């Protein structure tokens, strides 16, 4: 059954129901390409796993179009605030 009604979560409205994670990619460039091809409008970022800047000086947010995607933080593995 296909439902073309937008997904509403609070004040957000999404035409795609697919939510894609940003982890497990071998490079930020590959992640960016996968996000682009997925058609997703909402993506997850693991708060515990990610550092804003990695050891090579690359910033995860440099590879995410924040005007295109709603970022949903994933707090799995976090035990304290």
N, C-alpha and C. Protein backbone atom coordinates (compact mmCIF):
# COMPACT_ATOMS: atom_id res chain seq x y z
N UNK A 1 0.84 -1.17 0.00
CA UNK A 1 0.00 0.00 0.00
C UNK A 1 0.89 1.24 0.00
N UNK A 2 0.64 2.17 -0.89
CA UNK A 2 1.42 3.39 -1.01
C UNK A 2 0.65 4.54 -0.41
N UNK A 3 1.33 5.33 0.41
CA UNK A 3 0.71 6.48 1.03
C UNK A 3 1.54 7.71 0.66
N UNK A 4 0.96 8.64 -0.09
CA UNK A 4 1.72 9.82 -0.49
C UNK A 4 1.45 11.03 0.39
N UNK A 5 0.75 10.82 1.52
CA UNK A 5 0.56 11.90 2.48
C UNK A 5 1.91 12.23 3.12
N UNK A 6 2.18 13.50 3.39
CA UNK A 6 3.45 13.84 4.03
C UNK A 6 3.53 13.27 5.45
N UNK A 7 4.73 12.94 5.85
CA UNK A 7 4.98 12.50 7.22
C UNK A 7 5.11 13.75 8.08
N UNK A 8 4.31 13.84 9.13
CA UNK A 8 4.35 15.00 10.02
C UNK A 8 4.87 14.55 11.39
N UNK A 9 5.91 15.23 11.83
CA UNK A 9 6.47 15.00 13.16
C UNK A 9 6.58 16.37 13.81
N UNK A 10 5.68 16.64 14.75
CA UNK A 10 5.64 17.97 15.36
C UNK A 10 5.37 19.01 14.29
N UNK A 11 6.23 20.01 14.22
CA UNK A 11 6.05 21.08 13.23
C UNK A 11 6.75 20.78 11.91
N UNK A 12 7.38 19.61 11.80
CA UNK A 12 8.11 19.23 10.59
C UNK A 12 7.21 18.42 9.66
N UNK A 13 7.40 18.63 8.36
CA UNK A 13 6.65 17.89 7.35
C UNK A 13 7.64 17.36 6.32
N UNK A 14 7.58 16.04 6.06
CA UNK A 14 8.50 15.39 5.14
C UNK A 14 7.73 14.67 4.05
N UNK A 15 8.18 14.82 2.81
CA UNK A 15 7.55 14.06 1.73
C UNK A 15 8.13 12.65 1.65
N UNK A 16 9.36 12.47 2.15
CA UNK A 16 9.98 11.14 2.20
C UNK A 16 9.88 10.59 3.62
N UNK A 17 9.55 9.32 3.73
CA UNK A 17 9.48 8.67 5.04
C UNK A 17 10.79 7.95 5.39
N UNK A 18 11.76 8.04 4.50
CA UNK A 18 13.05 7.40 4.72
C UNK A 18 13.93 8.30 5.58
N UNK A 19 14.46 7.74 6.67
CA UNK A 19 15.42 8.43 7.53
C UNK A 19 16.73 7.66 7.43
N UNK A 20 17.80 8.35 7.02
CA UNK A 20 19.07 7.70 6.72
C UNK A 20 20.12 8.10 7.76
N UNK A 21 20.92 7.14 8.18
CA UNK A 21 22.01 7.40 9.12
C UNK A 21 23.25 7.91 8.41
N UNK A 22 24.11 8.59 9.15
CA UNK A 22 25.34 9.15 8.57
C UNK A 22 26.57 8.32 8.93
N UNK A 23 26.41 7.24 9.66
CA UNK A 23 27.55 6.42 10.07
C UNK A 23 27.81 5.28 9.11
N UNK A 24 28.92 4.60 9.33
CA UNK A 24 29.30 3.37 8.62
C UNK A 24 29.79 3.59 7.19
N UNK A 25 29.96 4.83 6.77
CA UNK A 25 30.49 5.08 5.43
C UNK A 25 32.01 5.15 5.50
N UNK A 26 32.67 4.74 4.44
CA UNK A 26 34.14 4.75 4.44
C UNK A 26 34.72 6.15 4.27
N UNK A 27 33.89 7.09 3.81
CA UNK A 27 34.35 8.48 3.68
C UNK A 27 33.15 9.42 3.76
N UNK A 28 33.43 10.68 4.08
CA UNK A 28 32.36 11.67 4.12
C UNK A 28 31.79 11.90 2.72
N UNK A 29 32.63 11.83 1.71
CA UNK A 29 32.16 12.02 0.34
C UNK A 29 31.18 10.92 -0.07
N UNK A 30 31.48 9.68 0.28
CA UNK A 30 30.56 8.57 -0.01
C UNK A 30 29.25 8.76 0.74
N UNK A 31 29.32 9.23 1.99
CA UNK A 31 28.11 9.51 2.77
C UNK A 31 27.27 10.57 2.06
N UNK A 32 27.93 11.64 1.62
CA UNK A 32 27.20 12.72 0.96
C UNK A 32 26.49 12.21 -0.30
N UNK A 33 27.17 11.39 -1.08
CA UNK A 33 26.56 10.84 -2.29
C UNK A 33 25.37 9.94 -1.96
N UNK A 34 25.51 9.11 -0.94
CA UNK A 34 24.42 8.21 -0.55
C UNK A 34 23.21 9.00 -0.06
N UNK A 35 23.45 10.03 0.74
CA UNK A 35 22.35 10.86 1.23
C UNK A 35 21.63 11.53 0.05
N UNK A 36 22.41 12.04 -0.88
CA UNK A 36 21.84 12.72 -2.04
C UNK A 36 20.97 11.77 -2.87
N UNK A 37 21.47 10.58 -3.12
CA UNK A 37 20.73 9.61 -3.94
C UNK A 37 19.54 8.99 -3.23
N UNK A 38 19.54 9.02 -1.90
CA UNK A 38 18.46 8.37 -1.13
C UNK A 38 17.13 9.10 -1.24
N UNK A 39 17.17 10.41 -1.42
CA UNK A 39 15.94 11.19 -1.43
C UNK A 39 15.41 11.50 -0.04
N UNK A 40 16.15 11.11 0.99
CA UNK A 40 15.73 11.37 2.37
C UNK A 40 15.79 12.86 2.67
N UNK A 41 14.95 13.29 3.59
CA UNK A 41 14.96 14.68 4.04
C UNK A 41 15.38 14.79 5.50
N UNK A 42 15.42 13.66 6.18
CA UNK A 42 15.79 13.61 7.59
C UNK A 42 16.93 12.60 7.74
N UNK A 43 18.00 13.00 8.43
CA UNK A 43 19.15 12.12 8.63
C UNK A 43 19.50 12.06 10.11
N UNK A 44 20.13 10.96 10.51
CA UNK A 44 20.55 10.83 11.90
C UNK A 44 22.06 10.99 12.01
N UNK A 45 22.48 11.56 13.13
CA UNK A 45 23.90 11.70 13.46
C UNK A 45 24.08 11.18 14.88
N UNK A 46 24.98 10.22 15.04
CA UNK A 46 25.25 9.65 16.36
C UNK A 46 26.02 10.66 17.20
N UNK A 47 25.42 11.13 18.26
CA UNK A 47 26.03 12.14 19.11
C UNK A 47 27.30 11.61 19.78
N UNK A 48 27.27 10.41 20.25
CA UNK A 48 28.41 9.84 20.97
C UNK A 48 29.57 9.53 20.03
N UNK A 49 29.28 9.03 18.86
CA UNK A 49 30.32 8.60 17.93
C UNK A 49 31.01 9.76 17.25
N UNK A 50 30.26 10.75 16.87
CA UNK A 50 30.79 11.81 16.02
C UNK A 50 31.53 12.88 16.79
N UNK A 51 32.62 13.32 16.22
CA UNK A 51 33.29 14.53 16.65
C UNK A 51 33.06 15.52 15.51
N UNK A 52 32.93 16.78 15.84
CA UNK A 52 32.69 17.75 14.77
C UNK A 52 33.86 17.79 13.80
N UNK A 53 35.08 17.63 14.30
CA UNK A 53 36.25 17.63 13.43
C UNK A 53 37.04 16.35 13.69
N UNK A 54 37.33 15.58 12.64
CA UNK A 54 38.06 14.32 12.81
C UNK A 54 39.57 14.55 12.81
N UNK A 55 40.33 13.48 12.93
CA UNK A 55 41.79 13.58 13.03
C UNK A 55 42.43 14.17 11.77
N UNK A 56 41.75 14.09 10.65
CA UNK A 56 42.26 14.67 9.41
C UNK A 56 41.83 16.12 9.23
N UNK A 57 41.10 16.67 10.22
CA UNK A 57 40.63 18.04 10.14
C UNK A 57 39.35 18.22 9.35
N UNK A 58 38.70 17.12 9.00
CA UNK A 58 37.44 17.18 8.24
C UNK A 58 36.27 17.30 9.21
N UNK A 59 35.31 18.11 8.84
CA UNK A 59 34.13 18.36 9.66
C UNK A 59 32.93 17.66 9.02
N UNK A 60 32.25 16.82 9.78
CA UNK A 60 31.06 16.11 9.27
C UNK A 60 30.05 17.08 8.68
N UNK A 61 29.85 18.21 9.34
CA UNK A 61 28.83 19.16 8.89
C UNK A 61 29.20 19.84 7.57
N UNK A 62 30.48 19.81 7.19
CA UNK A 62 30.88 20.34 5.88
C UNK A 62 30.33 19.49 4.74
N UNK A 63 29.96 18.27 5.04
CA UNK A 63 29.49 17.33 4.01
C UNK A 63 27.97 17.14 4.04
N UNK A 64 27.29 17.88 4.91
CA UNK A 64 25.83 17.78 5.04
C UNK A 64 25.21 19.12 4.67
N UNK A 65 24.29 19.10 3.74
CA UNK A 65 23.56 20.31 3.36
C UNK A 65 22.48 20.54 4.41
N UNK A 66 22.78 21.41 5.38
CA UNK A 66 21.85 21.63 6.50
C UNK A 66 20.59 22.36 6.07
N UNK A 67 20.58 22.94 4.89
CA UNK A 67 19.36 23.55 4.37
C UNK A 67 18.44 22.50 3.76
N UNK A 68 19.01 21.37 3.38
CA UNK A 68 18.24 20.30 2.73
C UNK A 68 17.76 19.24 3.72
N UNK A 69 18.57 18.95 4.74
CA UNK A 69 18.27 17.84 5.66
C UNK A 69 17.93 18.35 7.06
N UNK A 70 16.97 17.69 7.68
CA UNK A 70 16.73 17.87 9.10
C UNK A 70 17.60 16.84 9.81
N UNK A 71 18.40 17.31 10.77
CA UNK A 71 19.31 16.41 11.48
C UNK A 71 18.64 15.94 12.77
N UNK A 72 18.55 14.63 12.89
CA UNK A 72 17.96 13.99 14.06
C UNK A 72 19.10 13.37 14.87
N UNK A 73 19.43 13.93 16.04
CA UNK A 73 20.52 13.35 16.82
C UNK A 73 20.14 11.98 17.37
N UNK A 74 21.07 11.05 17.27
CA UNK A 74 20.89 9.71 17.81
C UNK A 74 21.76 9.61 19.05
N UNK A 75 21.14 9.40 20.19
CA UNK A 75 21.88 9.39 21.46
C UNK A 75 22.21 7.98 21.94
N UNK A 76 22.10 6.98 21.09
CA UNK A 76 22.43 5.60 21.48
C UNK A 76 23.85 5.55 22.01
N UNK A 77 24.03 4.88 23.13
CA UNK A 77 25.34 4.73 23.72
C UNK A 77 25.73 5.85 24.66
N UNK A 78 24.91 6.88 24.77
CA UNK A 78 25.18 7.98 25.70
C UNK A 78 24.59 7.62 27.06
N UNK A 79 25.39 7.77 28.09
CA UNK A 79 24.94 7.39 29.43
C UNK A 79 24.79 8.58 30.36
N UNK A 80 25.43 9.70 30.05
CA UNK A 80 25.30 10.89 30.89
C UNK A 80 25.13 12.10 29.99
N UNK A 81 24.64 13.17 30.57
CA UNK A 81 24.41 14.40 29.79
C UNK A 81 25.68 15.18 29.61
